[in-house]
Amino acid sequence: MRNLLRADLKRIFRVGLIYIGLLLALIYISYTVLEGVVNDGSIGLVRGVQKSLSGAPIALFIVFPTFYAVFAHELSSKSMQAVLGHGITRDKLIVAKLLDAAIVLLCVYLVIIAVTLAVINGGSAIILSSQQQTNLVVFIILRWLRHFGYIVFSAMIMYISGSTVLGIVVCVAFTVVFKLVFNMIEFFSSLSLYDYTFDGLLDWAYTGIEMEAFPWQLLPAACYLLAALAITTYFFRRKEFDF
């Protein structure tokens, strides 16, 4: 599987859409952070980073290019059959593809963390405490986990339906309208459903970390990912291919 990961990552990192998305993300973050700094100094800087990474545009700039690069030709090409024909099990193939997505997404977020900290500790006149910087890094890591979750759930829909297009549509829906839909449901029904979703659990986990409490919400959030992986592998084992 190591060779499969290596070959996949070489192909994925040649997809220009990833770098376009990263550039747009950095521009969007810079604009939002600058606006926060002008309005509220160091607190505005932290809130600017958090606001930019919490918005739908940044998710669209990061999640969609990653999903497209990893899965766009997964079902339409014969590469999957070739890999399975070389002895890689279907379960390992699914895990390898999700690891591809996790690694690519992590690389994108490492660039974001590096640029953010460089600006804070370099030419910026804004001074953050070590605790503020730590919380900011934790927030960014949790955003990585959230966006990786979107990819896991979208891949599940793609493999179940056998449609790459549907997987991409679901991916975009997660990044753009997921939270909005649950907020509307809560507004009209007074049901606190969002707190029990993957997003809601990660929000509460970060709140717990800020209050120096154990983020136990990460455990059920991880269960969501494991459940999605189990469902994906179950349906993928039953899928028939033309070799």
Protein backbone atom coordinates (compact mmCIF):
# COMPACT_ATOMS: atom_id res chain seq x y z
CA MET A 1 0.00 0.00 0.00
CA ARG A 2 2.99 2.27 0.51
CA ASN A 3 3.76 2.19 -3.20
CA LEU A 4 0.12 2.95 -3.98
CA LEU A 5 0.19 5.99 -1.68
CA ARG A 6 3.44 7.21 -3.20
CA ALA A 7 2.16 6.89 -6.76
CA ASP A 8 -1.17 8.49 -5.91
CA LEU A 9 0.40 11.47 -4.14
CA LYS A 10 2.75 12.11 -7.07
CA ARG A 11 -0.28 12.27 -9.35
CA ILE A 12 -2.40 14.32 -6.95
CA PHE A 13 0.23 16.99 -6.31
CA ARG A 14 0.39 17.62 -10.05
CA VAL A 15 -3.24 18.78 -10.06
CA GLY A 16 -3.12 22.55 -10.43
CA LEU A 17 -6.53 23.06 -8.81
CA ILE A 18 -5.00 22.36 -5.38
CA TYR A 19 -2.55 25.26 -5.70
CA ILE A 20 -5.18 27.60 -7.09
CA GLY A 21 -7.42 26.77 -4.14
CA LEU A 22 -4.58 27.29 -1.66
CA LEU A 23 -3.72 30.67 -3.18
CA LEU A 24 -7.36 31.78 -3.03
CA ALA A 25 -7.56 30.54 0.56
CA LEU A 26 -4.48 32.53 1.62
CA ILE A 27 -5.83 35.68 -0.08
CA TYR A 28 -9.20 35.25 1.63
CA ILE A 29 -7.57 34.61 5.03
CA SER A 30 -5.28 37.64 4.61
CA TYR A 31 -8.20 39.93 3.81
CA THR A 32 -10.31 38.69 6.74
CA VAL A 33 -7.38 38.85 9.19
CA LEU A 34 -6.40 42.34 8.09
CA GLU A 35 -9.97 43.49 8.61
CA GLY A 36 -9.95 41.95 12.11
CA VAL A 37 -6.61 43.54 13.06
CA VAL A 38 -7.77 47.00 11.98
CA ASN A 39 -10.93 46.66 14.04
CA ASP A 40 -9.65 44.93 17.19
CA GLY A 41 -5.87 44.40 17.31
CA SER A 42 -4.60 41.02 18.51
CA ILE A 43 -8.07 39.74 19.37
CA GLY A 44 -9.20 40.75 15.92
CA LEU A 45 -6.30 38.81 14.40
CA VAL A 46 -7.32 35.61 16.16
CA ARG A 47 -10.96 36.12 15.35
CA GLY A 48 -10.06 36.96 11.76
CA VAL A 49 -8.27 33.62 11.30
CA GLN A 50 -11.14 31.78 12.98
CA LYS A 51 -13.78 33.62 10.95
CA SER A 52 -12.03 32.99 7.65
CA LEU A 53 -11.50 29.28 8.33
CA SER A 54 -15.10 28.90 9.53
CA GLY A 55 -16.66 30.34 6.39
CA ALA A 56 -17.96 28.46 3.40
CA PRO A 57 -15.52 30.13 0.94
CA ILE A 58 -12.42 28.74 2.64
CA ALA A 59 -13.93 25.26 2.81
CA LEU A 60 -14.76 25.48 -0.86
CA PHE A 61 -11.22 26.62 -1.72
CA ILE A 62 -9.66 23.74 0.25
CA VAL A 63 -12.07 20.80 0.42
CA PHE A 64 -13.36 20.78 -3.16
CA PRO A 65 -9.91 20.84 -4.85
CA THR A 66 -8.69 18.08 -2.53
CA PHE A 67 -11.72 15.87 -3.16
CA TYR A 68 -11.49 16.49 -6.90
CA ALA A 69 -7.76 15.73 -7.05
CA VAL A 70 -8.12 12.47 -5.13
CA PHE A 71 -11.41 11.09 -6.43
CA ALA A 72 -12.33 12.84 -9.71
CA HIS A 73 -11.27 9.98 -12.00
CA GLU A 74 -11.51 7.21 -9.43
CA LEU A 75 -14.64 5.55 -10.83
CA SER A 76 -14.45 6.62 -14.48
CA SER A 77 -10.93 5.34 -15.18
CA LYS A 78 -9.66 1.76 -15.07
CA SER A 79 -6.97 2.59 -12.51
CA MET A 80 -9.04 1.13 -9.68
CA GLN A 81 -9.38 -2.21 -11.46
CA ALA A 82 -5.65 -2.20 -12.17
CA VAL A 83 -4.85 -1.65 -8.50
CA LEU A 84 -7.24 -4.38 -7.38
CA GLY A 85 -5.76 -6.69 -10.02
CA HIS A 86 -2.33 -6.28 -8.39
CA GLY A 87 -3.50 -7.77 -5.12
CA ILE A 88 -4.57 -4.68 -3.15
CA THR A 89 -7.74 -5.48 -1.22
CA ARG A 90 -10.78 -3.23 -1.53
CA ASP A 91 -10.55 -2.22 2.13
CA LYS A 92 -6.92 -1.17 1.70
CA LEU A 93 -7.81 0.77 -1.44
CA ILE A 94 -10.45 2.78 0.41
CA VAL A 95 -8.07 3.47 3.31
CA ALA A 96 -5.31 4.47 0.89
CA LYS A 97 -7.56 6.97 -0.89
CA LEU A 98 -8.68 8.54 2.38
CA LEU A 99 -5.06 8.70 3.55
CA ASP A 100 -4.26 10.49 0.28
CA ALA A 101 -6.94 13.04 1.06
CA ALA A 102 -5.78 13.42 4.68
CA ILE A 103 -2.15 13.98 3.64
CA VAL A 104 -3.00 16.50 0.90
CA LEU A 105 -5.34 18.37 3.23
CA LEU A 106 -2.72 18.32 6.00
CA CYS A 107 -0.08 19.77 3.65
CA VAL A 108 -2.46 22.59 2.72
CA TYR A 109 -3.15 23.34 6.38
CA LEU A 110 0.55 23.19 7.30
CA VAL A 111 1.13 25.95 4.75
CA ILE A 112 -1.70 27.95 6.31
CA ILE A 113 -0.29 27.47 9.84
CA ALA A 114 3.24 28.37 8.69
CA VAL A 115 2.08 31.54 6.92
CA THR A 116 -0.14 32.56 9.84
CA LEU A 117 2.61 32.12 12.44
CA ALA A 118 5.18 33.80 10.17
CA VAL A 119 2.96 36.85 9.85
CA ILE A 120 2.28 36.93 13.59
CA ASN A 121 5.90 36.52 14.68
CA GLY A 122 7.47 38.36 11.74
CA GLY A 123 6.47 41.66 10.29
CA SER A 124 3.22 42.00 12.20
CA ALA A 125 3.08 44.57 14.99
CA ILE A 126 0.46 42.44 16.71
CA ILE A 127 1.72 40.36 19.63
CA LEU A 128 -0.11 37.19 20.65
CA SER A 129 0.51 35.31 23.85
CA SER A 130 1.78 31.74 23.64
CA GLN A 131 -1.65 30.54 24.79
CA GLN A 132 -3.36 32.48 22.00
CA GLN A 133 -0.97 31.02 19.44
CA THR A 134 -1.53 27.50 20.81
CA ASN A 135 -5.31 27.90 20.70
CA LEU A 136 -5.05 29.22 17.16
CA VAL A 137 -3.03 26.20 16.03
CA VAL A 138 -5.50 23.86 17.77
CA PHE A 139 -8.36 25.63 16.02
CA ILE A 140 -6.67 25.18 12.63
CA ILE A 141 -6.01 21.47 13.33
CA LEU A 142 -9.67 20.96 14.23
CA ARG A 143 -10.62 22.69 10.97
CA TRP A 144 -8.41 20.20 9.16
CA LEU A 145 -10.24 17.35 10.90
CA ARG A 146 -13.61 18.88 10.03
CA HIS A 147 -12.74 19.26 6.37
CA PHE A 148 -11.28 15.77 6.25
CA GLY A 149 -14.60 14.56 7.64
CA TYR A 150 -16.42 16.27 4.78
CA ILE A 151 -14.25 14.33 2.34
CA VAL A 152 -14.86 11.03 4.16
CA PHE A 153 -18.63 11.52 4.08
CA SER A 154 -18.58 12.64 0.44
CA ALA A 155 -16.45 9.64 -0.55
CA MET A 156 -18.97 7.38 1.19
CA ILE A 157 -21.78 8.80 -0.96
CA MET A 158 -19.63 8.52 -4.07
CA TYR A 159 -18.76 4.85 -3.53
CA ILE A 160 -22.33 3.92 -2.55
CA SER A 161 -23.91 5.67 -5.54
CA GLY A 162 -21.13 4.86 -7.99
CA SER A 163 -21.24 8.49 -9.14
CA THR A 164 -18.26 10.84 -8.89
CA VAL A 165 -20.49 13.78 -9.79
CA LEU A 166 -22.82 13.05 -6.88
CA GLY A 167 -19.81 12.80 -4.56
CA ILE A 168 -18.60 16.22 -5.71
CA VAL A 169 -22.11 17.70 -5.27
CA VAL A 170 -22.31 16.32 -1.74
CA CYS A 171 -18.82 17.63 -1.01
CA VAL A 172 -19.79 21.13 -2.09
CA ALA A 173 -23.05 20.85 -0.11
CA PHE A 174 -21.14 19.95 3.05
CA THR A 175 -18.83 22.92 2.65
CA VAL A 176 -21.50 25.46 1.76
CA VAL A 177 -24.95 24.66 3.17
CA PHE A 178 -24.55 21.99 5.90
CA LYS A 179 -24.47 24.32 8.92
CA LEU A 180 -27.01 26.68 7.38
CA VAL A 181 -29.57 23.88 6.98
CA PHE A 182 -29.23 22.76 10.60
CA ASN A 183 -29.44 26.35 11.84
CA MET A 184 -32.71 26.76 9.93
CA ILE A 185 -34.07 23.50 11.38
CA GLU A 186 -33.19 24.65 14.90
CA PHE A 187 -34.75 28.06 14.28
CA PHE A 188 -38.09 26.66 13.14
CA SER A 189 -38.29 23.58 15.39
CA SER A 190 -36.26 24.53 18.50
CA LEU A 191 -34.39 21.21 18.21
CA SER A 192 -30.69 21.39 19.05
CA LEU A 193 -29.67 18.94 16.37
CA TYR A 194 -26.49 20.73 15.35
CA ASP A 195 -24.75 20.00 18.66
CA TYR A 196 -24.88 16.28 17.85
CA THR A 197 -23.58 16.57 14.31
CA PHE A 198 -19.95 16.10 13.34
CA ASP A 199 -19.51 19.87 13.04
CA GLY A 200 -21.26 20.60 16.31
CA LEU A 201 -19.15 18.09 18.24
CA LEU A 202 -15.94 19.67 16.92
CA ASP A 203 -17.21 23.13 17.86
CA TRP A 204 -17.83 21.98 21.43
CA ALA A 205 -14.46 20.20 21.51
CA TYR A 206 -12.68 23.46 20.73
CA THR A 207 -14.73 25.29 23.36
CA GLY A 208 -13.66 22.66 25.88
CA ILE A 209 -9.99 23.07 24.92
CA GLU A 210 -10.28 26.84 25.35
CA MET A 211 -11.69 26.25 28.85
CA GLU A 212 -8.87 23.74 29.54
CA ALA A 213 -11.33 20.84 29.76
CA PHE A 214 -10.94 17.44 28.13
CA PRO A 215 -12.48 17.55 24.62
CA TRP A 216 -14.49 14.34 24.98
CA GLN A 217 -16.59 15.37 21.98
CA LEU A 218 -13.71 14.23 19.77
CA LEU A 219 -14.59 10.62 20.62
CA PRO A 220 -18.11 10.60 19.09
CA ALA A 221 -16.77 12.73 16.21
CA ALA A 222 -14.21 9.99 15.51
CA CYS A 223 -17.03 7.45 15.67
CA TYR A 224 -18.78 9.35 12.85
CA LEU A 225 -15.67 8.92 10.69
CA LEU A 226 -15.27 5.25 11.57
CA ALA A 227 -18.95 4.60 10.83
CA ALA A 228 -18.62 6.31 7.44
CA LEU A 229 -15.53 4.23 6.69
CA ALA A 230 -17.32 1.02 7.68
CA ILE A 231 -20.32 1.85 5.47
CA THR A 232 -18.06 2.74 2.55
CA THR A 233 -16.07 -0.49 2.74
CA TYR A 234 -19.26 -2.56 3.14
CA PHE A 235 -20.80 -1.23 -0.06
CA PHE A 236 -17.50 -1.19 -1.93
CA ARG A 237 -16.97 -4.91 -1.24
CA ARG A 238 -20.31 -5.62 -2.92
CA LYS A 239 -19.58 -3.51 -5.99
CA GLU A 240 -18.92 -5.35 -9.27
CA PHE A 241 -16.30 -4.17 -11.75
CA ASP A 242 -15.65 -4.86 -15.40
CA PHE A 243 -12.02 -5.92 -15.66
